[in-house]
């Protein structure tokens, strides 16, 4: 329920509803409505896809930043 989701945060139920709509539009949650009760379920698959995409870039940047650090920390006369 939205009230339960809002409870631990210092934001209004209206603000929580807006955030949930954004997450729903992004297909990161699904919502089932039963009368006044809204049940939200996380859809983790899109986040897994993002994680897989980022993993390739993480490896690339880690390798390149380590090479840059090695270059910067090396003796200028050895270059």
PDB file of N, CA and C in Angstrom:
ATOM      1  N   UNK A   1       0.841  -1.180   0.000  1.00  0.00           N
ATOM      2  CA  UNK A   1       0.000   0.000   0.000  1.00  0.00           C
ATOM      3  C   UNK A   1       0.882   1.238   0.000  1.00  0.00           C
ATOM      4  N   UNK A   2       0.380   2.293  -0.607  1.00  0.00           N
ATOM      5  CA  UNK A   2       1.167   3.522  -0.733  1.00  0.00           C
ATOM      6  C   UNK A   2       1.485   4.108   0.636  1.00  0.00           C
ATOM      7  N   UNK A   3       0.537   4.067   1.539  1.00  0.00           N
ATOM      8  CA  UNK A   3       0.779   4.570   2.887  1.00  0.00           C
ATOM      9  C   UNK A   3       1.918   3.847   3.578  1.00  0.00           C
ATOM     10  N   UNK A   4       1.983   2.530   3.404  1.00  0.00           N
ATOM     11  CA  UNK A   4       3.067   1.743   3.994  1.00  0.00           C
ATOM     12  C   UNK A   4       4.405   2.077   3.348  1.00  0.00           C
ATOM     13  N   UNK A   5       4.387   2.301   2.041  1.00  0.00           N
ATOM     14  CA  UNK A   5       5.627   2.672   1.350  1.00  0.00           C
ATOM     15  C   UNK A   5       6.114   4.048   1.790  1.00  0.00           C
ATOM     16  N   UNK A   6       5.198   4.957   2.040  1.00  0.00           N
ATOM     17  CA  UNK A   6       5.556   6.333   2.395  1.00  0.00           C
ATOM     18  C   UNK A   6       6.027   6.455   3.842  1.00  0.00           C
ATOM     19  N   UNK A   7       5.610   5.534   4.695  1.00  0.00           N
ATOM     20  CA  UNK A   7       5.862   5.637   6.134  1.00  0.00           C
ATOM     21  C   UNK A   7       7.326   5.881   6.501  1.00  0.00           C
ATOM     22  N   UNK A   8       8.292   5.118   5.984  1.00  0.00           N
ATOM     23  CA  UNK A   8       9.683   5.336   6.421  1.00  0.00           C
ATOM     24  C   UNK A   8      10.346   6.575   5.825  1.00  0.00           C
ATOM     25  N   UNK A   9       9.679   7.252   4.903  1.00  0.00           N
ATOM     26  CA  UNK A   9      10.287   8.392   4.221  1.00  0.00           C
ATOM     27  C   UNK A   9       9.610   9.687   4.626  1.00  0.00           C
ATOM     28  N   UNK A  10      10.355  10.769   4.518  1.00  0.00           N
ATOM     29  CA  UNK A  10       9.831  12.083   4.866  1.00  0.00           C
ATOM     30  C   UNK A  10       9.230  12.740   3.618  1.00  0.00           C
ATOM     31  N   UNK A  11       8.311  12.026   2.957  1.00  0.00           N
ATOM     32  CA  UNK A  11       7.613  12.571   1.797  1.00  0.00           C
ATOM     33  C   UNK A  11       6.138  12.183   1.892  1.00  0.00           C
ATOM     34  N   UNK A  12       5.331  12.900   1.168  1.00  0.00           N
ATOM     35  CA  UNK A  12       3.889  12.687   1.226  1.00  0.00           C
ATOM     36  C   UNK A  12       3.478  11.468   0.409  1.00  0.00           C
ATOM     37  N   UNK A  13       2.267  11.011   0.636  1.00  0.00           N
ATOM     38  CA  UNK A  13       1.716   9.912  -0.165  1.00  0.00           C
ATOM     39  C   UNK A  13       1.602  10.311  -1.632  1.00  0.00           C
ATOM     40  N   UNK A  14       1.285  11.587  -1.870  1.00  0.00           N
ATOM     41  CA  UNK A  14       1.188  12.081  -3.251  1.00  0.00           C
ATOM     42  C   UNK A  14       2.538  11.954  -3.947  1.00  0.00           C
ATOM     43  N   UNK A  15       3.594  12.323  -3.248  1.00  0.00           N
ATOM     44  CA  UNK A  15       4.939  12.213  -3.824  1.00  0.00           C
ATOM     45  C   UNK A  15       5.286  10.753  -4.098  1.00  0.00           C
ATOM     46  N   UNK A  16       4.954   9.858  -3.177  1.00  0.00           N
ATOM     47  CA  UNK A  16       5.209   8.431  -3.382  1.00  0.00           C
ATOM     48  C   UNK A  16       4.439   7.947  -4.601  1.00  0.00           C
ATOM     49  N   UNK A  17       3.197   8.376  -4.732  1.00  0.00           N
ATOM     50  CA  UNK A  17       2.384   7.982  -5.897  1.00  0.00           C
ATOM     51  C   UNK A  17       3.032   8.431  -7.199  1.00  0.00           C
ATOM     52  N   UNK A  18       3.568   9.646  -7.216  1.00  0.00           N
ATOM     53  CA  UNK A  18       4.240  10.141  -8.424  1.00  0.00           C
ATOM     54  C   UNK A  18       5.463   9.293  -8.748  1.00  0.00           C
ATOM     55  N   UNK A  19       6.240   8.958  -7.734  1.00  0.00           N
ATOM     56  CA  UNK A  19       7.429   8.124  -7.949  1.00  0.00           C
ATOM     57  C   UNK A  19       7.022   6.745  -8.466  1.00  0.00           C
ATOM     58  N   UNK A  20       5.971   6.190  -7.902  1.00  0.00           N
ATOM     59  CA  UNK A  20       5.504   4.880  -8.352  1.00  0.00           C
ATOM     60  C   UNK A  20       5.039   4.919  -9.804  1.00  0.00           C
ATOM     61  N   UNK A  21       4.377   6.005 -10.194  1.00  0.00           N
ATOM     62  CA  UNK A  21       3.954   6.137 -11.598  1.00  0.00           C
ATOM     63  C   UNK A  21       5.162   6.151 -12.536  1.00  0.00           C
ATOM     64  N   UNK A  22       6.208   6.858 -12.140  1.00  0.00           N
ATOM     65  CA  UNK A  22       7.428   6.899 -12.955  1.00  0.00           C
ATOM     66  C   UNK A  22       8.034   5.500 -13.069  1.00  0.00           C
ATOM     67  N   UNK A  23       8.125   4.791 -11.944  1.00  0.00           N
ATOM     68  CA  UNK A  23       8.666   3.437 -11.960  1.00  0.00           C
ATOM     69  C   UNK A  23       7.793   2.498 -12.795  1.00  0.00           C
ATOM     70  N   UNK A  24       6.488   2.701 -12.728  1.00  0.00           N
ATOM     71  CA  UNK A  24       5.559   1.886 -13.509  1.00  0.00           C
ATOM     72  C   UNK A  24       5.722   2.173 -15.002  1.00  0.00           C
ATOM     73  N   UNK A  25       5.859   3.434 -15.373  1.00  0.00           N
ATOM     74  CA  UNK A  25       6.069   3.798 -16.780  1.00  0.00           C
ATOM     75  C   UNK A  25       7.388   3.240 -17.301  1.00  0.00           C
ATOM     76  N   UNK A  26       8.388   3.162 -16.432  1.00  0.00           N
ATOM     77  CA  UNK A  26       9.687   2.599 -16.809  1.00  0.00           C
ATOM     78  C   UNK A  26       9.662   1.072 -16.777  1.00  0.00           C
ATOM     79  N   UNK A  27       8.531   0.513 -16.431  1.00  0.00           N
ATOM     80  CA  UNK A  27       8.329  -0.938 -16.331  1.00  0.00           C
ATOM     81  C   UNK A  27       9.267  -1.587 -15.319  1.00  0.00           C
ATOM     82  N   UNK A  28       9.567  -0.844 -14.243  1.00  0.00           N
ATOM     83  CA  UNK A  28      10.379  -1.385 -13.163  1.00  0.00           C
ATOM     84  C   UNK A  28       9.525  -1.948 -12.039  1.00  0.00           C
ATOM     85  N   UNK A  29       8.254  -1.589 -12.014  1.00  0.00           N
ATOM     86  CA  UNK A  29       7.302  -2.190 -11.082  1.00  0.00           C
ATOM     87  C   UNK A  29       6.014  -2.488 -11.838  1.00  0.00           C
ATOM     88  N   UNK A  30       5.257  -3.417 -11.300  1.00  0.00           N
ATOM     89  CA  UNK A  30       3.902  -3.640 -11.801  1.00  0.00           C
ATOM     90  C   UNK A  30       2.969  -3.389 -10.626  1.00  0.00           C
ATOM     91  N   UNK A  31       1.765  -2.948 -10.943  1.00  0.00           N
ATOM     92  CA  UNK A  31       0.824  -2.585  -9.895  1.00  0.00           C
ATOM     93  C   UNK A  31      -0.478  -3.349 -10.109  1.00  0.00           C
ATOM     94  N   UNK A  32      -0.968  -3.945  -9.038  1.00  0.00           N
ATOM     95  CA  UNK A  32      -2.273  -4.604  -9.052  1.00  0.00           C
ATOM     96  C   UNK A  32      -3.175  -3.822  -8.110  1.00  0.00           C
ATOM     97  N   UNK A  33      -4.356  -3.473  -8.585  1.00  0.00           N
ATOM     98  CA  UNK A  33      -5.277  -2.667  -7.788  1.00  0.00           C
ATOM     99  C   UNK A  33      -6.467  -3.534  -7.389  1.00  0.00           C
ATOM    100  N   UNK A  34      -6.727  -3.582  -6.088  1.00  0.00           N
ATOM    101  CA  UNK A  34      -7.863  -4.318  -5.535  1.00  0.00           C
ATOM    102  C   UNK A  34      -8.628  -3.352  -4.649  1.00  0.00           C
ATOM    103  N   UNK A  35      -9.627  -2.694  -5.232  1.00  0.00           N
ATOM    104  CA  UNK A  35     -10.358  -1.656  -4.489  1.00  0.00           C
ATOM    105  C   UNK A  35      -9.448  -0.472  -4.236  1.00  0.00           C
ATOM    106  N   UNK A  36      -9.245  -0.166  -2.968  1.00  0.00           N
ATOM    107  CA  UNK A  36      -8.371   0.954  -2.609  1.00  0.00           C
ATOM    108  C   UNK A  36      -6.938   0.506  -2.357  1.00  0.00           C
ATOM    109  N   UNK A  37      -6.693  -0.784  -2.436  1.00  0.00           N
ATOM    110  CA  UNK A  37      -5.362  -1.328  -2.152  1.00  0.00           C
ATOM    111  C   UNK A  37      -4.584  -1.464  -3.458  1.00  0.00           C
ATOM    112  N   UNK A  38      -3.411  -0.864  -3.474  1.00  0.00           N
ATOM    113  CA  UNK A  38      -2.502  -0.961  -4.620  1.00  0.00           C
ATOM    114  C   UNK A  38      -1.313  -1.808  -4.185  1.00  0.00           C
ATOM    115  N   UNK A  39      -1.106  -2.918  -4.871  1.00  0.00           N
ATOM    116  CA  UNK A  39       0.040  -3.783  -4.564  1.00  0.00           C
ATOM    117  C   UNK A  39       1.078  -3.622  -5.676  1.00  0.00           C
ATOM    118  N   UNK A  40       2.282  -3.288  -5.258  1.00  0.00           N
ATOM    119  CA  UNK A  40       3.364  -3.066  -6.219  1.00  0.00           C
ATOM    120  C   UNK A  40       4.360  -4.214  -6.132  1.00  0.00           C
ATOM    121  N   UNK A  41       4.830  -4.626  -7.301  1.00  0.00           N
ATOM    122  CA  UNK A  41       5.801  -5.707  -7.394  1.00  0.00           C
ATOM    123  C   UNK A  41       6.981  -5.234  -8.236  1.00  0.00           C
ATOM    124  N   UNK A  42       8.177  -5.465  -7.718  1.00  0.00           N
ATOM    125  CA  UNK A  42       9.393  -5.098  -8.442  1.00  0.00           C
ATOM    126  C   UNK A  42       9.562  -6.000  -9.653  1.00  0.00           C
ATOM    127  N   UNK A  43       9.901  -5.410 -10.775  1.00  0.00           N
ATOM    128  CA  UNK A  43      10.254  -6.155 -11.985  1.00  0.00           C
ATOM    129  C   UNK A  43      11.760  -5.973 -12.175  1.00  0.00           C
ATOM    130  N   UNK A  44      12.541  -6.920 -11.715  1.00  0.00           N
ATOM    131  CA  UNK A  44      13.998  -6.773 -11.662  1.00  0.00           C
ATOM    132  C   UNK A  44      14.689  -7.010 -13.000  1.00  0.00           C
ATOM    133  N   UNK A  45      14.046  -7.655 -13.945  1.00  0.00           N
ATOM    134  CA  UNK A  45      14.713  -7.999 -15.209  1.00  0.00           C
ATOM    135  C   UNK A  45      15.307  -6.779 -15.925  1.00  0.00           C
ATOM    136  N   UNK A  46      14.588  -5.659 -16.057  1.00  0.00           N
ATOM    137  CA  UNK A  46      15.218  -4.498 -16.706  1.00  0.00           C
ATOM    138  C   UNK A  46      16.482  -4.030 -15.982  1.00  0.00           C
ATOM    139  N   UNK A  47      16.502  -4.140 -14.662  1.00  0.00           N
ATOM    140  CA  UNK A  47      17.694  -3.745 -13.908  1.00  0.00           C
ATOM    141  C   UNK A  47      18.846  -4.719 -14.160  1.00  0.00           C
ATOM    142  N   UNK A  48      18.533  -6.000 -14.329  1.00  0.00           N
ATOM    143  CA  UNK A  48      19.574  -6.981 -14.654  1.00  0.00           C
ATOM    144  C   UNK A  48      20.189  -6.669 -16.009  1.00  0.00           C
ATOM    145  N   UNK A  49      19.358  -6.265 -16.954  1.00  0.00           N
ATOM    146  CA  UNK A  49      19.852  -5.924 -18.293  1.00  0.00           C
ATOM    147  C   UNK A  49      20.782  -4.714 -18.233  1.00  0.00           C
ATOM    148  N   UNK A  50      20.431  -3.727 -17.431  1.00  0.00           N
ATOM    149  CA  UNK A  50      21.292  -2.548 -17.257  1.00  0.00           C
ATOM    150  C   UNK A  50      22.611  -2.964 -16.609  1.00  0.00           C
ATOM    151  N   UNK A  51      22.541  -3.825 -15.608  1.00  0.00           N
ATOM    152  CA  UNK A  51      23.755  -4.293 -14.934  1.00  0.00           C
ATOM    153  C   UNK A  51      24.681  -5.007 -15.915  1.00  0.00           C
ATOM    154  N   UNK A  52      24.124  -5.833 -16.788  1.00  0.00           N
ATOM    155  CA  UNK A  52      24.948  -6.528 -17.781  1.00  0.00           C
ATOM    156  C   UNK A  52      25.598  -5.527 -18.735  1.00  0.00           C
ATOM    157  N   UNK A  53      24.864  -4.522 -19.153  1.00  0.00           N
ATOM    158  CA  UNK A  53      25.390  -3.495 -20.057  1.00  0.00           C
ATOM    159  C   UNK A  53      26.517  -2.723 -19.370  1.00  0.00           C
ATOM    160  N   UNK A  54      26.291  -2.374 -18.100  1.00  0.00           N
ATOM    161  CA  UNK A  54      27.304  -1.620 -17.360  1.00  0.00           C
ATOM    162  C   UNK A  54      28.550  -2.446 -17.086  1.00  0.00           C
ATOM    163  N   UNK A  55      28.414  -3.753 -16.940  1.00  0.00           N
ATOM    164  CA  UNK A  55      29.552  -4.611 -16.612  1.00  0.00           C
ATOM    165  C   UNK A  55      30.658  -4.477 -17.656  1.00  0.00           C
ATOM    166  N   UNK A  56      30.298  -4.425 -18.925  1.00  0.00           N
ATOM    167  CA  UNK A  56      31.303  -4.258 -19.971  1.00  0.00           C
ATOM    168  C   UNK A  56      32.032  -2.934 -19.856  1.00  0.00           C
ATOM    169  N   UNK A  57      31.299  -1.888 -19.587  1.00  0.00           N
ATOM    170  CA  UNK A  57      31.931  -0.575 -19.433  1.00  0.00           C
ATOM    171  C   UNK A  57      32.750  -0.499 -18.149  1.00  0.00           C
ATOM    172  N   UNK A  58      32.284  -1.165 -17.102  1.00  0.00           N
ATOM    173  CA  UNK A  58      33.030  -1.165 -15.840  1.00  0.00           C
ATOM    174  C   UNK A  58      34.407  -1.787 -16.052  1.00  0.00           C
ATOM    175  N   UNK A  59      34.464  -2.913 -16.746  1.00  0.00           N
ATOM    176  CA  UNK A  59      35.751  -3.568 -17.012  1.00  0.00           C
ATOM    177  C   UNK A  59      36.651  -2.660 -17.849  1.00  0.00           C
ATOM    178  N   UNK A  60      36.089  -2.037 -18.883  1.00  0.00           N
ATOM    179  CA  UNK A  60      36.849  -1.128 -19.745  1.00  0.00           C
ATOM    180  C   UNK A  60      37.441   0.022 -18.940  1.00  0.00           C
ATOM    181  N   UNK A  61      36.594   0.696 -18.141  1.00  0.00           N
ATOM    182  CA  UNK A  61      37.072   1.863 -17.411  1.00  0.00           C
ATOM    183  C   UNK A  61      38.019   1.490 -16.277  1.00  0.00           C
ATOM    184  N   UNK A  62      37.784   0.364 -15.634  1.00  0.00           N
ATOM    185  CA  UNK A  62      38.695  -0.072 -14.570  1.00  0.00           C
ATOM    186  C   UNK A  62      40.091  -0.299 -15.139  1.00  0.00           C
ATOM    187  N   UNK A  63      40.160  -0.994 -16.249  1.00  0.00           N
ATOM    188  CA  UNK A  63      41.452  -1.272 -16.885  1.00  0.00           C
ATOM    189  C   UNK A  63      42.139   0.031 -17.300  1.00  0.00           C
ATOM    190  N   UNK A  64      41.412   0.931 -17.930  1.00  0.00           N
ATOM    191  CA  UNK A  64      42.018   2.174 -18.407  1.00  0.00           C
ATOM    192  C   UNK A  64      42.405   3.107 -17.272  1.00  0.00           C
ATOM    193  N   UNK A  65      41.607   3.165 -16.222  1.00  0.00           N
ATOM    194  CA  UNK A  65      41.958   4.025 -15.097  1.00  0.00           C
ATOM    195  C   UNK A  65      43.154   3.479 -14.333  1.00  0.00           C
ATOM    196  N   UNK A  66      43.270   2.146 -14.252  1.00  0.00           N
ATOM    197  CA  UNK A  66      44.450   1.563 -13.615  1.00  0.00           C
ATOM    198  C   UNK A  66      45.708   1.874 -14.423  1.00  0.00           C
ATOM    199  N   UNK A  67      45.605   1.815 -15.748  1.00  0.00           N
ATOM    200  CA  UNK A  67      46.743   2.149 -16.603  1.00  0.00           C
ATOM    201  C   UNK A  67      47.118   3.622 -16.442  1.00  0.00           C
ATOM    202  N   UNK A  68      46.133   4.490 -16.362  1.00  0.00           N
ATOM    203  CA  UNK A  68      46.388   5.919 -16.162  1.00  0.00           C
ATOM    204  C   UNK A  68      47.055   6.158 -14.814  1.00  0.00           C
ATOM    205  N   UNK A  69      46.573   5.500 -13.761  1.00  0.00           N
ATOM    206  CA  UNK A  69      47.172   5.659 -12.435  1.00  0.00           C
ATOM    207  C   UNK A  69      48.624   5.199 -12.451  1.00  0.00           C
ATOM    208  N   UNK A  70      48.875   4.084 -13.114  1.00  0.00           N
ATOM    209  CA  UNK A  70      50.253   3.583 -13.210  1.00  0.00           C
ATOM    210  C   UNK A  70      51.134   4.603 -13.934  1.00  0.00           C
ATOM    211  N   UNK A  71      50.637   5.179 -15.009  1.00  0.00           N
ATOM    212  CA  UNK A  71      51.387   6.180 -15.773  1.00  0.00           C
ATOM    213  C   UNK A  71      51.676   7.410 -14.919  1.00  0.00           C
ATOM    214  N   UNK A  72      50.667   7.910 -14.225  1.00  0.00           N
ATOM    215  CA  UNK A  72      50.829   9.121 -13.429  1.00  0.00           C
ATOM    216  C   UNK A  72      51.791   8.887 -12.261  1.00  0.00           C
ATOM    217  N   UNK A  73      51.750   7.692 -11.685  1.00  0.00           N
ATOM    218  CA  UNK A  73      52.590   7.401 -10.526  1.00  0.00           C
ATOM    219  C   UNK A  73      54.007   6.975 -10.921  1.00  0.00           C
ATOM    220  N   UNK A  74      54.236   6.738 -12.191  1.00  0.00           N
ATOM    221  CA  UNK A  74      55.574   6.275 -12.610  1.00  0.00           C
ATOM    222  C   UNK A  74      56.557   7.442 -12.631  1.00  0.00           C
ATOM    223  N   UNK A  75      57.823   7.092 -12.627  1.00  0.00           N
ATOM    224  CA  UNK A  75      58.902   8.082 -12.661  1.00  0.00           C
ATOM    225  C   UNK A  75      58.886   8.781 -14.031  1.00  0.00           C
ATOM    226  N   UNK A  76      58.857  10.112 -14.072  1.00  0.00           N
ATOM    227  CA  UNK A  76      58.824  10.821 -15.344  1.00  0.00           C
ATOM    228  C   UNK A  76      60.019  10.504 -16.243  1.00  0.00           C
ATOM    229  N   UNK A  77      61.164  10.110 -15.643  1.00  0.00           N
ATOM    230  CA  UNK A  77      62.358   9.787 -16.447  1.00  0.00           C
ATOM    231  C   UNK A  77      62.238   8.432 -17.143  1.00  0.00           C
ATOM    232  N   UNK A  78      61.309   7.588 -16.656  1.00  0.00           N
ATOM    233  CA  UNK A  78      61.121   6.271 -17.273  1.00  0.00           C
ATOM    234  C   UNK A  78      60.170   6.343 -18.472  1.00  0.00           C
ATOM    235  N   UNK A  79      59.524   7.444 -18.658  1.00  0.00           N
ATOM    236  CA  UNK A  79      58.541   7.559 -19.743  1.00  0.00           C
ATOM    237  C   UNK A  79      59.178   7.696 -21.070  1.00  0.00           C
TER     238      UNK A  79
END
